[in-house]
Protein backbone atom coordinates (compact mmCIF):
# COMPACT_ATOMS: atom_id res chain seq x y z
CA UNK A 1 -17.48 21.62 -10.20
CA UNK A 2 -17.90 18.52 -8.02
CA UNK A 3 -14.88 16.33 -7.45
CA UNK A 4 -14.86 12.75 -6.31
CA UNK A 5 -12.20 11.37 -3.96
CA UNK A 6 -10.10 10.14 -6.92
CA UNK A 7 -10.06 13.46 -8.78
CA UNK A 8 -6.57 14.73 -9.40
CA UNK A 9 -4.92 11.43 -8.49
CA UNK A 10 -2.81 9.38 -10.84
CA UNK A 11 -4.62 6.17 -11.76
CA UNK A 12 -2.93 2.79 -11.45
CA UNK A 13 -0.52 1.18 -9.03
CA UNK A 14 1.74 3.31 -6.86
CA UNK A 15 5.32 2.44 -5.98
CA UNK A 16 6.23 3.17 -2.36
CA UNK A 17 9.28 3.09 -0.14
CA UNK A 18 8.26 1.76 3.28
CA UNK A 19 9.72 3.17 6.46
CA UNK A 20 9.11 2.43 10.16
CA UNK A 21 6.63 5.28 10.60
CA UNK A 22 5.18 5.71 7.12
CA UNK A 23 5.92 5.44 3.45
CA UNK A 24 7.24 7.65 0.68
CA UNK A 25 5.61 7.73 -2.76
CA UNK A 26 8.14 6.87 -5.46
CA UNK A 27 5.56 6.63 -8.27
CA UNK A 28 2.10 8.13 -7.84
CA UNK A 29 -0.95 5.90 -8.03
CA UNK A 30 -4.19 4.99 -6.32
CA UNK A 31 -3.26 1.62 -4.81
CA UNK A 32 -0.56 -0.94 -4.04
CA UNK A 33 -0.91 -4.70 -4.34
CA UNK A 34 -0.83 -6.90 -1.22
CA UNK A 35 2.29 -9.09 -1.30
CA UNK A 36 0.42 -12.03 0.26
CA UNK A 37 -3.06 -12.00 -1.28
CA UNK A 38 -2.59 -9.99 -4.47
CA UNK A 39 -5.56 -7.73 -3.71
CA UNK A 40 -5.29 -4.01 -4.44
CA UNK A 41 -5.05 -1.78 -1.35
CA UNK A 42 -6.11 1.86 -1.79
CA UNK A 43 -3.35 4.09 -0.39
CA UNK A 44 -5.73 5.71 2.09
CA UNK A 45 -6.45 2.23 3.54
CA UNK A 46 -2.83 1.01 3.70
CA UNK A 47 -1.95 0.24 7.34
CA UNK A 48 0.41 -2.77 7.23
CA UNK A 49 3.80 -3.19 5.56
CA UNK A 50 7.27 -4.60 6.11
CA UNK A 51 10.23 -2.23 6.11
CA UNK A 52 12.62 -5.19 5.84
CA UNK A 53 10.84 -6.81 2.88
CA UNK A 54 9.49 -3.54 1.39
CA UNK A 55 6.05 -5.15 0.94
CA UNK A 56 2.49 -4.00 1.70
CA UNK A 57 -0.18 -6.24 3.28
CA UNK A 58 -3.96 -5.94 3.18
CA UNK A 59 -4.54 -7.10 6.78
CA UNK A 60 -2.69 -7.57 10.04
CA UNK A 61 -3.22 -11.35 9.73
CA UNK A 62 -1.51 -11.44 6.33
CA UNK A 63 1.40 -9.35 7.60
CA UNK A 64 1.81 -11.63 10.63
CA UNK A 65 1.76 -14.75 8.45
CA UNK A 66 4.42 -13.32 6.14
CA UNK A 67 6.69 -12.25 8.96
CA UNK A 68 6.59 -15.53 10.93
CA UNK A 69 10.00 -17.18 11.25
């Protein structure tokens, strides 16, 4: 049987707890939603988040904009 990359994964939005070196899955899913742009971010592509705000970001630019004083 052939399996695609999404086989065996829970569909829908995941809930994560963000830490300084990674994140912990609280509720399984395939993506999280960018706090700035609202676009879905597949978990395997998630690189930017704020530990303080507990928010994910789609790009470094969006994360920088959000975290400006």
